[in-house]
Protein backbone atom coordinates (compact mmCIF):
# COMPACT_ATOMS: atom_id res chain seq x y z
CA MET A 1 -12.50 -4.53 -28.86
CA VAL A 2 -11.65 -5.52 -25.29
CA ASP A 3 -9.19 -8.37 -24.81
CA GLU A 4 -10.97 -11.17 -23.02
CA ILE A 5 -9.44 -12.64 -19.91
CA GLY A 6 -8.47 -16.18 -20.78
CA PHE A 7 -6.46 -18.99 -19.23
CA ALA A 8 -5.90 -21.38 -22.12
CA GLY A 9 -2.92 -23.62 -21.40
CA GLN A 10 -2.85 -22.76 -17.69
CA VAL A 11 -3.53 -24.90 -14.62
CA ALA A 12 -5.25 -23.65 -11.48
CA LEU A 13 -5.68 -25.08 -8.00
CA VAL A 14 -8.75 -23.91 -6.07
CA THR A 15 -9.06 -24.96 -2.44
CA GLY A 16 -12.51 -25.18 -0.91
CA GLY A 17 -13.78 -25.36 -4.47
CA GLY A 18 -16.82 -27.55 -3.87
CA ASN A 19 -19.33 -24.92 -2.77
CA GLY A 20 -20.05 -21.21 -2.67
CA VAL A 21 -17.33 -18.80 -3.73
CA GLY A 22 -14.79 -21.59 -4.27
CA ARG A 23 -17.12 -23.33 -6.70
CA ALA A 24 -17.63 -20.04 -8.53
CA HIS A 25 -13.85 -19.58 -8.76
CA ALA A 26 -13.40 -23.04 -10.24
CA LEU A 27 -16.23 -22.66 -12.75
CA GLU A 28 -15.13 -19.19 -13.89
CA LEU A 29 -11.52 -20.25 -14.37
CA ALA A 30 -12.57 -23.38 -16.25
CA ALA A 31 -15.03 -21.46 -18.42
CA ARG A 32 -12.13 -19.23 -19.48
CA GLY A 33 -9.89 -22.13 -20.44
CA ALA A 34 -8.02 -23.14 -17.29
CA ARG A 35 -7.61 -26.74 -16.27
CA VAL A 36 -8.61 -26.92 -12.63
CA VAL A 37 -7.80 -29.00 -9.58
CA VAL A 38 -10.92 -28.66 -7.44
CA ASN A 39 -9.96 -29.29 -3.84
CA ASP A 40 -12.68 -29.79 -1.24
CA LEU A 41 -13.33 -32.02 1.73
CA GLY A 42 -17.07 -31.73 1.20
CA ILE A 43 -17.70 -31.31 4.91
CA ALA A 44 -20.07 -29.29 7.07
CA LEU A 45 -19.64 -25.57 7.67
CA ASP A 46 -17.87 -26.09 10.99
CA GLY A 47 -15.39 -28.51 9.43
CA SER A 48 -16.98 -31.66 10.78
CA GLY A 49 -18.32 -34.71 9.04
CA ALA A 50 -17.19 -36.95 6.21
CA PRO A 51 -16.63 -36.10 2.53
CA ILE A 52 -19.83 -35.80 0.50
CA GLY A 53 -18.39 -35.44 -2.99
CA ALA A 54 -18.65 -31.67 -3.43
CA ALA A 55 -15.44 -31.50 -5.46
CA ASP A 56 -16.61 -34.34 -7.69
CA ARG A 57 -19.86 -32.50 -8.40
CA VAL A 58 -18.02 -29.36 -9.47
CA VAL A 59 -15.66 -31.40 -11.64
CA GLY A 60 -18.75 -32.92 -13.26
CA GLU A 61 -20.14 -29.46 -13.94
CA ILE A 62 -16.89 -28.33 -15.55
CA ARG A 63 -16.60 -31.42 -17.71
CA ALA A 64 -20.22 -31.16 -18.79
CA LEU A 65 -19.40 -27.71 -20.15
CA GLY A 66 -16.39 -29.03 -22.05
CA GLY A 67 -13.70 -28.10 -19.54
CA GLU A 68 -10.94 -30.09 -17.86
CA ALA A 69 -10.86 -30.66 -14.12
CA ILE A 70 -9.94 -33.20 -11.48
CA ALA A 71 -11.10 -33.52 -7.88
CA ASN A 72 -8.93 -33.62 -4.78
CA GLY A 73 -10.10 -34.36 -1.26
CA ASP A 74 -7.00 -33.56 0.79
CA SER A 75 -7.09 -31.20 3.77
CA VAL A 76 -5.31 -27.85 3.64
CA THR A 77 -4.62 -28.22 7.37
CA GLU A 78 -2.09 -30.98 6.64
CA ALA A 79 1.21 -30.16 4.97
CA HIS A 80 1.28 -33.47 3.13
CA GLY A 81 -2.30 -32.86 1.98
CA ALA A 82 -1.28 -29.55 0.43
CA GLN A 83 1.66 -31.27 -1.24
CA ARG A 84 -0.64 -33.93 -2.68
CA MET A 85 -3.02 -31.40 -4.23
CA VAL A 86 -0.11 -29.61 -5.90
CA ARG A 87 1.27 -32.96 -7.03
CA ALA A 88 -2.14 -33.81 -8.50
CA ALA A 89 -1.85 -30.81 -10.83
CA LEU A 90 1.69 -31.75 -11.83
CA ASP A 91 0.87 -35.41 -12.38
CA GLN A 92 -2.21 -34.60 -14.47
CA TRP A 93 -0.99 -31.64 -16.52
CA GLY A 94 2.69 -31.13 -15.75
CA GLN A 95 2.39 -27.59 -14.42
CA LEU A 96 0.72 -25.20 -12.00
CA ASP A 97 0.18 -21.51 -12.73
CA ILE A 98 -2.58 -20.29 -10.40
CA VAL A 99 -3.40 -20.95 -6.76
CA VAL A 100 -6.63 -19.73 -5.20
CA ASN A 101 -6.61 -20.20 -1.42
CA ASN A 102 -10.29 -20.27 -0.53
CA ALA A 103 -10.83 -23.13 1.92
CA GLY A 104 -12.41 -22.13 5.21
CA VAL A 105 -14.78 -22.98 8.04
CA LEU A 106 -17.48 -20.96 9.75
CA ASP A 107 -16.82 -19.27 13.09
CA THR A 108 -19.52 -17.24 14.84
CA GLU A 109 -18.58 -18.15 18.39
CA PRO A 110 -18.53 -15.39 21.03
CA PHE A 111 -15.07 -14.88 22.47
CA GLU A 112 -16.11 -15.78 26.00
CA THR A 113 -17.47 -19.21 24.99
CA SER A 114 -14.96 -20.18 22.32
CA THR A 115 -12.47 -22.89 23.19
CA ARG A 116 -8.81 -23.25 22.40
CA ASP A 117 -9.49 -26.34 20.28
CA ARG A 118 -12.14 -24.53 18.25
CA ASP A 119 -9.92 -21.48 17.80
CA ALA A 120 -7.03 -23.70 16.70
CA HIS A 121 -9.21 -25.45 14.11
CA VAL A 122 -10.31 -22.13 12.61
CA VAL A 123 -6.77 -20.74 12.48
CA ASP A 124 -5.42 -24.03 11.12
CA THR A 125 -7.90 -23.96 8.26
CA HIS A 126 -7.87 -20.31 7.23
CA LEU A 127 -4.32 -19.18 7.97
CA LEU A 128 -2.09 -22.23 8.32
CA GLY A 129 -4.04 -23.93 5.55
CA ALA A 130 -3.26 -21.07 3.18
CA MET A 131 0.37 -21.23 4.29
CA ASN A 132 0.52 -24.99 3.71
CA VAL A 133 -0.80 -24.65 0.17
CA ALA A 134 1.39 -21.64 -0.59
CA ARG A 135 4.45 -23.48 0.71
CA ALA A 136 3.67 -26.56 -1.39
CA ALA A 137 3.10 -24.53 -4.55
CA TRP A 138 5.89 -21.98 -4.04
CA PRO A 139 8.89 -23.91 -5.41
CA VAL A 140 6.84 -24.93 -8.46
CA LEU A 141 5.89 -21.32 -9.22
CA ILE A 142 9.39 -19.98 -8.50
CA GLU A 143 11.02 -22.55 -10.78
CA ARG A 144 8.49 -21.75 -13.50
CA GLY A 145 9.22 -18.04 -13.12
CA TYR A 146 5.54 -17.25 -13.19
CA GLY A 147 2.56 -17.55 -10.93
CA ARG A 148 -0.57 -15.88 -9.63
CA MET A 149 -1.90 -16.52 -6.12
CA VAL A 150 -5.22 -15.22 -4.83
CA ASN A 151 -5.71 -15.52 -1.07
CA THR A 152 -8.99 -15.11 0.78
CA SER A 153 -8.99 -12.66 3.67
CA SER A 154 -12.15 -11.02 4.99
CA GLY A 155 -13.71 -7.68 5.84
CA ALA A 156 -14.10 -9.22 9.29
CA ILE A 157 -10.57 -7.99 10.02
CA PHE A 158 -12.15 -4.59 10.72
CA GLY A 159 -13.73 -6.12 13.83
CA SER A 160 -16.81 -8.01 14.95
CA PRO A 161 -18.02 -9.09 18.43
CA VAL A 162 -18.11 -12.78 17.43
CA GLY A 163 -15.81 -15.10 15.53
CA LEU A 164 -12.58 -13.63 16.82
CA ALA A 165 -10.51 -16.65 15.78
CA TYR A 166 -11.82 -16.18 12.24
CA GLN A 167 -10.95 -12.49 12.31
CA ALA A 168 -7.47 -13.17 13.63
CA ALA A 169 -6.85 -15.84 11.00
CA LYS A 170 -8.07 -13.61 8.17
CA GLY A 171 -5.86 -10.79 9.46
CA GLY A 172 -3.02 -13.28 9.22
CA VAL A 173 -3.96 -14.08 5.63
CA PHE A 174 -3.78 -10.36 4.83
CA ALA A 175 -0.25 -10.21 6.31
CA LEU A 176 0.71 -13.47 4.60
CA THR A 177 -0.32 -11.96 1.29
CA ARG A 178 1.89 -8.93 1.86
CA GLY A 179 4.86 -11.08 2.83
CA LEU A 180 4.51 -13.52 -0.07
CA ALA A 181 4.19 -10.57 -2.44
CA THR A 182 7.60 -9.22 -1.39
CA ALA A 183 9.15 -12.68 -1.68
CA GLY A 184 7.67 -13.53 -5.06
CA VAL A 185 7.66 -10.38 -7.14
CA SER A 186 11.25 -10.73 -8.40
CA HIS A 187 10.40 -14.27 -9.55
CA GLY A 188 7.29 -13.32 -11.49
CA VAL A 189 4.97 -14.64 -8.77
CA LEU A 190 2.30 -12.11 -7.80
CA VAL A 191 0.13 -12.55 -4.73
CA ASN A 192 -3.03 -10.59 -3.92
CA ALA A 193 -6.04 -11.08 -1.66
CA ILE A 194 -9.78 -10.68 -1.82
CA MET A 195 -12.15 -9.99 1.05
CA PRO A 196 -15.38 -11.38 -0.36
CA THR A 197 -18.97 -10.81 0.61
CA ALA A 198 -21.26 -13.37 -0.98
CA TYR A 199 -24.41 -15.34 -0.33
CA THR A 200 -23.21 -18.85 0.48
CA ARG A 201 -23.88 -21.60 3.00
CA MET A 202 -22.14 -19.38 5.56
CA THR A 203 -24.24 -16.25 4.98
CA ASP A 204 -27.39 -18.33 4.74
CA GLN A 205 -27.27 -18.30 8.54
CA ILE A 206 -28.39 -14.62 8.62
CA PRO A 207 -31.69 -14.52 10.60
CA ASP A 208 -33.28 -11.47 8.90
CA GLU A 209 -35.35 -12.90 6.03
CA ALA A 210 -35.58 -9.70 3.97
CA PHE A 211 -31.85 -9.04 4.19
CA ARG A 212 -31.10 -12.68 3.45
CA ALA A 213 -33.21 -12.43 0.28
CA PHE A 214 -31.36 -9.26 -0.75
CA MET A 215 -28.01 -10.97 -0.17
CA GLU A 216 -29.06 -13.98 -2.24
CA ALA A 217 -30.13 -11.81 -5.17
CA ARG A 218 -27.30 -9.29 -5.17
CA PHE A 219 -24.26 -10.89 -3.54
CA THR A 220 -23.82 -13.91 -5.76
CA PRO A 221 -20.57 -15.88 -5.54
CA GLU A 222 -20.12 -15.32 -9.27
CA ARG A 223 -19.72 -11.57 -8.73
CA VAL A 224 -16.75 -12.32 -6.48
CA ALA A 225 -15.18 -14.88 -8.81
CA ARG A 226 -15.28 -12.50 -11.77
CA PHE A 227 -12.89 -10.17 -9.99
CA ALA A 228 -10.73 -12.97 -8.63
CA VAL A 229 -9.93 -14.08 -12.19
CA VAL A 230 -8.61 -10.57 -12.87
CA LEU A 231 -6.06 -11.08 -10.08
CA ALA A 232 -5.29 -14.59 -11.37
CA HIS A 233 -4.58 -13.41 -14.92
CA ALA A 234 -1.23 -12.66 -16.54
CA SER A 235 -2.34 -9.08 -17.18
CA CYS A 236 -2.35 -8.39 -13.42
CA THR A 237 0.83 -6.44 -12.68
CA PHE A 238 0.50 -5.52 -8.99
CA SER A 239 1.14 -7.61 -5.90
CA GLY A 240 0.46 -7.42 -2.18
CA GLU A 241 -2.92 -5.77 -2.59
CA ALA A 242 -6.26 -6.62 -1.01
CA PHE A 243 -9.75 -5.86 -2.25
CA MET A 244 -13.24 -5.84 -0.80
CA VAL A 245 -15.38 -7.65 -3.36
CA GLY A 246 -19.11 -8.28 -3.36
CA GLY A 247 -22.42 -7.34 -4.90
CA GLY A 248 -20.73 -5.91 -7.99
CA ARG A 249 -18.53 -3.56 -5.92
CA VAL A 250 -14.77 -3.79 -5.65
CA ALA A 251 -12.61 -1.51 -3.49
CA ARG A 252 -8.93 -1.43 -2.63
CA VAL A 253 -8.13 -2.02 1.05
CA LEU A 254 -5.35 0.16 2.38
CA LEU A 255 -3.07 -0.33 5.38
CA GLY A 256 -2.02 3.14 6.40
CA VAL A 257 0.16 4.88 8.94
CA SER A 258 -0.46 8.40 10.21
CA GLY A 259 2.28 11.03 10.04
CA GLY A 260 2.60 10.70 13.79
CA TRP A 261 4.73 12.74 16.17
CA VAL A 262 8.45 12.62 16.95
CA GLY A 263 10.23 13.74 20.11
CA SER A 264 13.92 13.55 20.92
CA ASP A 265 13.60 11.59 24.19
CA PRO A 266 9.90 11.68 25.11
CA SER A 267 8.50 10.78 28.51
CA PRO A 268 5.12 9.09 28.97
CA GLU A 269 3.69 12.54 29.72
CA ASP A 270 5.12 13.88 26.46
CA TYR A 271 3.51 11.07 24.49
CA ARG A 272 0.16 11.68 26.19
CA ALA A 273 0.34 15.41 25.48
CA GLU A 274 0.84 14.71 21.77
CA LEU A 275 -1.87 12.08 21.28
CA ASP A 276 -3.92 14.41 19.10
CA ALA A 277 -0.98 14.63 16.68
CA VAL A 278 -0.48 10.88 16.85
CA MET A 279 -4.16 10.23 16.03
CA ALA A 280 -4.42 12.86 13.26
CA LEU A 281 -4.61 11.47 9.72
CA GLY A 282 -2.77 14.34 8.07
CA GLY A 283 0.37 13.14 6.34
CA ALA A 284 -0.77 9.52 6.36
CA SER A 285 1.09 7.10 4.11
CA TYR A 286 0.25 3.68 2.74
CA PRO A 287 3.50 1.72 2.59
CA HIS A 288 3.71 -1.29 0.35
CA ASP A 289 6.15 -3.17 2.60
CA ARG A 290 8.01 -2.92 5.91
CA LEU A 291 11.05 -1.28 4.37
CA GLU A 292 8.96 1.51 2.87
CA GLU A 293 7.21 2.10 6.20
CA PHE A 294 10.47 2.23 8.13
CA GLY A 295 12.18 4.43 5.58
CA ALA A 296 9.31 6.91 5.68
CA TYR A 297 10.20 8.20 9.13
CA ILE A 298 13.77 7.36 10.10
CA GLY A 299 14.97 10.57 8.48
CA ARG A 300 12.94 12.46 11.09
CA LEU A 301 14.93 10.61 13.75
CA GLY A 302 18.26 11.72 12.36
CA PHE A 303 19.29 8.89 10.01
CA GLY A 304 20.70 10.46 6.87
CA SER A 305 21.04 7.53 4.45
CA THR A 306 18.40 7.10 1.77
CA GLU A 307 19.26 3.45 1.13
CA LEU A 308 18.26 0.57 3.36
CA ASP A 309 19.01 -3.11 3.11
CA PHE A 310 15.79 -5.08 3.43
CA ASP A 311 17.47 -8.26 4.69
CA GLY A 312 19.36 -6.32 7.33
CA LEU A 313 16.20 -4.54 8.37
CA VAL A 314 14.06 -7.59 8.89
CA LYS A 315 16.81 -9.50 10.67
CA GLY A 316 17.80 -6.69 12.98
CA ASP A 317 14.63 -4.66 13.46
CA GLU A 318 11.68 -7.05 13.70
CA ARG A 319 10.53 -8.08 17.16
């Protein structure tokens, strides 16, 4: 017998839960016993327009299936909005255990035609929105001594010729996940990220009809949500990880550092002469945090201690 993943007695907040992957997150969590705050503005893909009741519709779906859910229409881009959605969970059920940061807007603008205002809106929604919600939920989870947070980054961080604000924001979400993981692990709060690929309103913009049909059939939002609930469950024991998820495939995303090259007092010409060694992947490592990355090479520079103070490192080393 395989223990089923269940969330009886737990409360989850899902941002951007009115459509697509967010809706699938909310439905999957609710189907497995969680009580869910479904947050969504119900607006257009680019973030414009007025609410259209998307969160209410998902709440109706959950209740029709016998689950418990409430709708919230606050914006993740506003700190007080994030506080209100967390407060909604506490007022309704007295607790919060799971946060799924999913809210986002579409960005396919070429770099040369994008505007500062548009870029700011994308970054505000994806990155600062996730930070707003995390900040609002953080003291609740820390005080409880337990929590699971699932952030939404993107495979777009590997690079694309359009939507650079989106890519930059999702890269920030990846880094945010790593940072929150180091801050929360000693308190029982684990934070991981997914980089989903799914057929949603956003991917419905793909012009190739045959590929769009393949995406619709294979890359369902539900296939993403079924892995997200693994990260949201108490049985998840790791933190600071990211995963590509889509079409039934899941793969760990690694941030690695090559073995590199060390010189005693290298000149620019020395560095250039050793670029092959710098670029080689032999001896690569995959540090879990900044301290591990720093500690991996300082011995080669002559530092003999094997113990480093993380607080001293980040205060004195980061620039």
